[in-house]
Protein backbone atom coordinates (compact mmCIF):
# COMPACT_ATOMS: atom_id res chain seq x y z
CA MET A 1 -165.49 142.11 -84.08
CA SER A 2 -165.68 144.98 -86.49
CA LEU A 3 -162.75 147.54 -86.26
CA TYR A 4 -162.75 150.82 -88.59
CA ALA A 5 -160.11 153.70 -89.17
CA ARG A 6 -161.50 157.01 -90.26
CA PHE A 7 -159.83 159.04 -93.65
CA ASP A 8 -161.25 161.00 -95.94
CA HIS A 9 -160.95 159.44 -98.95
CA ALA A 10 -160.94 162.67 -101.22
CA ALA A 11 -157.54 163.86 -99.33
CA ALA A 12 -154.10 163.49 -100.79
CA GLN A 13 -152.45 160.14 -99.77
CA PRO A 14 -151.21 159.58 -97.53
CA ALA A 15 -154.77 160.40 -96.24
CA PRO A 16 -154.14 160.89 -91.95
CA VAL A 17 -156.40 158.50 -90.13
CA THR A 18 -159.12 161.34 -88.39
CA GLY A 19 -160.97 158.42 -85.93
CA TRP A 20 -160.74 155.09 -85.03
CA TYR A 21 -164.43 153.02 -84.40
CA ASP A 22 -165.36 149.76 -82.89
CA THR A 23 -168.66 148.94 -83.85
CA ASP A 24 -168.83 145.91 -81.61
CA ALA A 25 -168.23 147.52 -78.38
CA LEU A 26 -170.01 150.69 -79.51
CA SER A 27 -173.29 151.78 -80.92
CA TYR A 28 -172.53 154.65 -83.12
CA PRO A 29 -175.43 157.18 -84.36
CA ASP A 30 -173.40 158.54 -86.96
CA LEU A 31 -171.14 156.37 -88.50
CA PRO A 32 -169.15 157.98 -91.73
CA GLN A 33 -169.75 157.12 -95.31
CA PRO A 34 -168.46 153.85 -96.02
CA ALA A 35 -165.97 155.36 -98.48
CA ASP A 36 -164.08 157.05 -95.52
CA LEU A 37 -163.79 153.58 -93.78
CA ILE A 38 -161.25 151.24 -93.54
CA GLU A 39 -161.47 147.62 -91.81
CA VAL A 40 -158.88 147.28 -89.33
CA THR A 41 -157.18 143.77 -88.07
CA PRO A 42 -157.22 143.51 -84.41
CA GLU A 43 -153.69 143.65 -84.31
CA GLN A 44 -153.96 147.12 -86.06
CA TRP A 45 -156.23 148.22 -83.62
CA ASP A 46 -154.03 147.41 -80.82
CA SER A 47 -150.90 149.01 -82.87
CA HIS A 48 -153.12 152.48 -82.85
CA MET A 49 -153.75 152.21 -79.23
CA ALA A 50 -149.75 152.98 -78.48
CA LYS A 51 -149.74 155.35 -81.41
CA PRO A 52 -152.96 156.98 -82.10
CA GLY A 53 -151.86 159.53 -84.26
CA GLY A 54 -149.40 157.82 -86.23
CA TRP A 55 -151.39 156.17 -88.71
CA ALA A 56 -153.06 157.30 -92.59
CA VAL A 57 -154.29 155.42 -95.16
CA GLN A 58 -152.85 154.81 -98.43
CA ASP A 59 -153.60 152.70 -101.41
CA GLY A 60 -156.16 151.38 -99.48
CA ALA A 61 -153.95 150.05 -96.76
CA LEU A 62 -153.46 151.36 -93.35
CA VAL A 63 -149.82 152.31 -93.04
CA ALA A 64 -147.54 153.90 -90.28
CA ARG A 65 -146.98 157.54 -91.33
CA GLU A 66 -143.41 156.47 -90.60
CA THR A 67 -143.39 153.69 -93.45
CA VAL A 68 -144.84 156.68 -95.32
CA PRO A 69 -141.85 158.05 -97.90
CA ALA A 70 -141.69 161.53 -97.64
CA PRO A 71 -142.84 163.44 -101.03
CA LEU A 72 -139.67 164.90 -102.94
CA PRO A 73 -139.61 168.32 -102.88
CA SER A 74 -140.63 170.09 -105.74
CA GLY A 75 -138.89 173.01 -105.77
CA PRO A 76 -138.51 176.56 -103.60
CA THR A 77 -141.41 176.75 -101.87
CA PRO A 78 -143.13 180.57 -101.73
CA ILE A 79 -141.73 181.40 -98.94
CA GLN A 80 -138.05 180.50 -100.05
CA GLN A 81 -138.83 181.76 -103.49
CA ALA A 82 -139.51 185.21 -101.96
CA ALA A 83 -136.88 185.41 -99.15
CA ALA A 84 -134.23 184.89 -102.60
CA ALA A 85 -135.88 187.74 -104.54
CA PHE A 86 -135.68 189.65 -101.66
CA ALA A 87 -132.17 189.02 -100.41
CA SER A 88 -130.40 189.26 -104.06
CA ARG A 89 -131.91 192.74 -104.25
CA ALA A 90 -131.45 193.71 -100.96
CA MET A 91 -127.68 192.82 -102.02
CA ALA A 92 -127.63 195.04 -104.91
CA GLY A 93 -127.82 197.87 -102.74
CA ILE A 94 -129.33 201.40 -103.43
CA THR A 95 -127.68 203.83 -106.08
CA ILE A 96 -127.50 207.04 -104.76
CA THR A 97 -127.10 210.27 -106.23
CA CYS A 98 -125.89 213.01 -103.59
CA ARG A 99 -127.05 216.70 -105.03
CA SER A 100 -125.38 218.15 -102.38
CA CYS A 101 -122.01 216.49 -102.36
CA PRO A 102 -121.50 214.63 -105.71
CA ALA A 103 -118.81 212.89 -103.92
CA ALA A 104 -120.97 211.17 -102.07
CA SER A 105 -122.75 209.89 -104.89
CA ALA A 106 -122.51 205.96 -104.75
CA VAL A 107 -124.17 202.16 -103.91
CA TYR A 108 -124.68 201.97 -100.42
CA SER A 109 -125.59 198.31 -98.60
CA LEU A 110 -129.00 197.50 -97.83
CA ALA A 111 -127.51 194.96 -95.53
CA PRO A 112 -129.50 194.98 -92.49
CA PRO A 113 -126.69 195.62 -90.27
CA VAL A 114 -125.95 198.32 -92.10
CA VAL A 115 -129.11 200.46 -92.94
CA GLU A 116 -129.61 199.89 -88.58
CA GLN A 117 -126.66 201.72 -88.18
CA VAL A 118 -127.07 204.43 -90.73
CA GLY A 119 -130.64 204.89 -88.79
CA ILE A 120 -129.26 205.23 -85.41
CA LEU A 121 -127.07 207.76 -86.59
CA ALA A 122 -129.90 209.55 -88.72
CA ARG A 123 -132.13 209.32 -85.44
CA ASP A 124 -129.71 210.75 -83.12
CA PHE A 125 -128.81 213.67 -85.88
CA ALA A 126 -132.47 214.31 -85.94
CA ALA A 127 -132.98 214.19 -82.18
CA GLY A 128 -130.57 216.91 -81.89
CA LEU A 129 -127.94 214.72 -80.58
CA GLY A 130 -125.51 216.16 -83.43
CA LEU A 131 -123.09 213.47 -85.14
CA PRO A 132 -120.67 211.29 -82.80
CA GLY A 133 -117.56 213.00 -81.92
CA GLY A 134 -119.13 216.58 -82.31
CA GLY A 135 -117.94 216.39 -86.48
CA GLY A 136 -119.93 217.60 -89.18
CA THR A 137 -119.18 214.34 -91.29
CA LEU A 138 -118.80 210.84 -90.93
CA PRO A 139 -117.05 208.44 -93.19
CA VAL A 140 -119.81 205.98 -94.78
CA ALA A 141 -118.98 203.18 -96.53
CA ASP A 142 -120.43 202.57 -100.17
CA LEU A 143 -121.00 198.53 -101.12
CA ALA A 144 -117.49 198.66 -102.40
CA GLY A 145 -115.98 199.94 -98.88
CA ASP A 146 -115.04 203.34 -100.12
CA ALA A 147 -115.78 205.74 -97.42
CA HIS A 148 -117.72 209.36 -98.16
CA SER A 149 -117.91 211.93 -95.99
CA LEU A 150 -121.77 212.49 -95.15
CA ALA A 151 -122.99 215.41 -93.32
CA GLY A 152 -125.66 214.80 -91.09
CA PRO A 153 -128.77 215.62 -93.44
CA GLN A 154 -127.33 213.31 -96.35
CA ILE A 155 -127.07 210.34 -93.56
CA VAL A 156 -130.83 211.31 -92.69
CA ALA A 157 -131.48 211.40 -96.45
CA LEU A 158 -129.53 208.12 -97.01
CA TYR A 159 -131.43 206.61 -94.06
CA ARG A 160 -134.65 207.60 -95.39
CA ALA A 161 -133.67 206.37 -98.76
CA SER A 162 -132.67 203.08 -97.89
CA ARG A 163 -135.28 202.53 -95.35
CA ASP A 164 -138.02 203.03 -97.66
CA LEU A 165 -136.53 200.73 -100.40
CA VAL A 166 -135.93 197.88 -97.93
CA TYR A 167 -140.22 198.39 -96.92
CA ALA A 168 -140.80 198.36 -100.53
CA LEU A 169 -138.77 195.23 -101.72
CA SER A 170 -140.25 193.57 -98.85
CA VAL A 171 -143.86 194.71 -99.64
CA GLN A 172 -142.78 192.74 -103.30
CA ALA A 173 -141.54 190.19 -101.73
CA ALA A 174 -144.66 189.28 -99.88
CA VAL A 175 -146.61 189.75 -103.27
CA LEU A 176 -144.28 186.79 -104.54
CA GLN A 177 -145.08 184.80 -101.26
CA GLY A 178 -148.26 184.96 -102.00
CA GLY A 179 -148.41 183.91 -105.43
CA GLY A 180 -148.76 187.35 -107.19
CA THR A 181 -146.08 188.98 -109.19
CA PRO A 182 -144.21 191.75 -107.82
CA THR A 183 -143.40 195.09 -109.09
CA TRP A 184 -139.72 195.35 -107.66
CA PRO A 185 -138.93 198.97 -107.34
CA GLU A 186 -135.81 200.66 -108.79
CA GLN A 187 -132.95 200.83 -106.24
CA VAL A 188 -132.20 204.09 -106.78
CA ALA A 189 -132.45 207.36 -104.95
CA ALA A 190 -131.46 211.37 -105.32
CA ILE A 191 -130.84 212.86 -102.23
């Protein structure tokens, strides 16, 4: 009996088995090239029936995928590198110089919940809803936790600068993830 497993001999090993052939039972008009076939024993053939997708070829032998040692990680993946680069820059915050109120100049957080909360305040103010409580200013904490009184237009400007920087950082993280060389933006803005 002639039983075969098909694999791509040029693929990285372990090369997954992509087909099974019983040449005694069936006639195959287009049998793969011999380099892409490995003869299997009747026992291996029977085992593949119970687990059709669990086989590979490594070093010229048919092996169950569970017995193939997992490759050791070679370092962070591009996705992990991009996420780490983005996170470290976001943790550094944005340095704001406030022209209308120099006392509000500080380094503000780019943490998603903070940017989201400032965005909610900015959108409400821009929509004519004013600031919560009807006041003229609100305390907004900087990265160190110190509160700065910001008026509605300053909150809108802070949000716009933070939003734009987060977007620019995201674009450069995508460049890094894709294997390119990012051009990280300066993390400063004047409002």
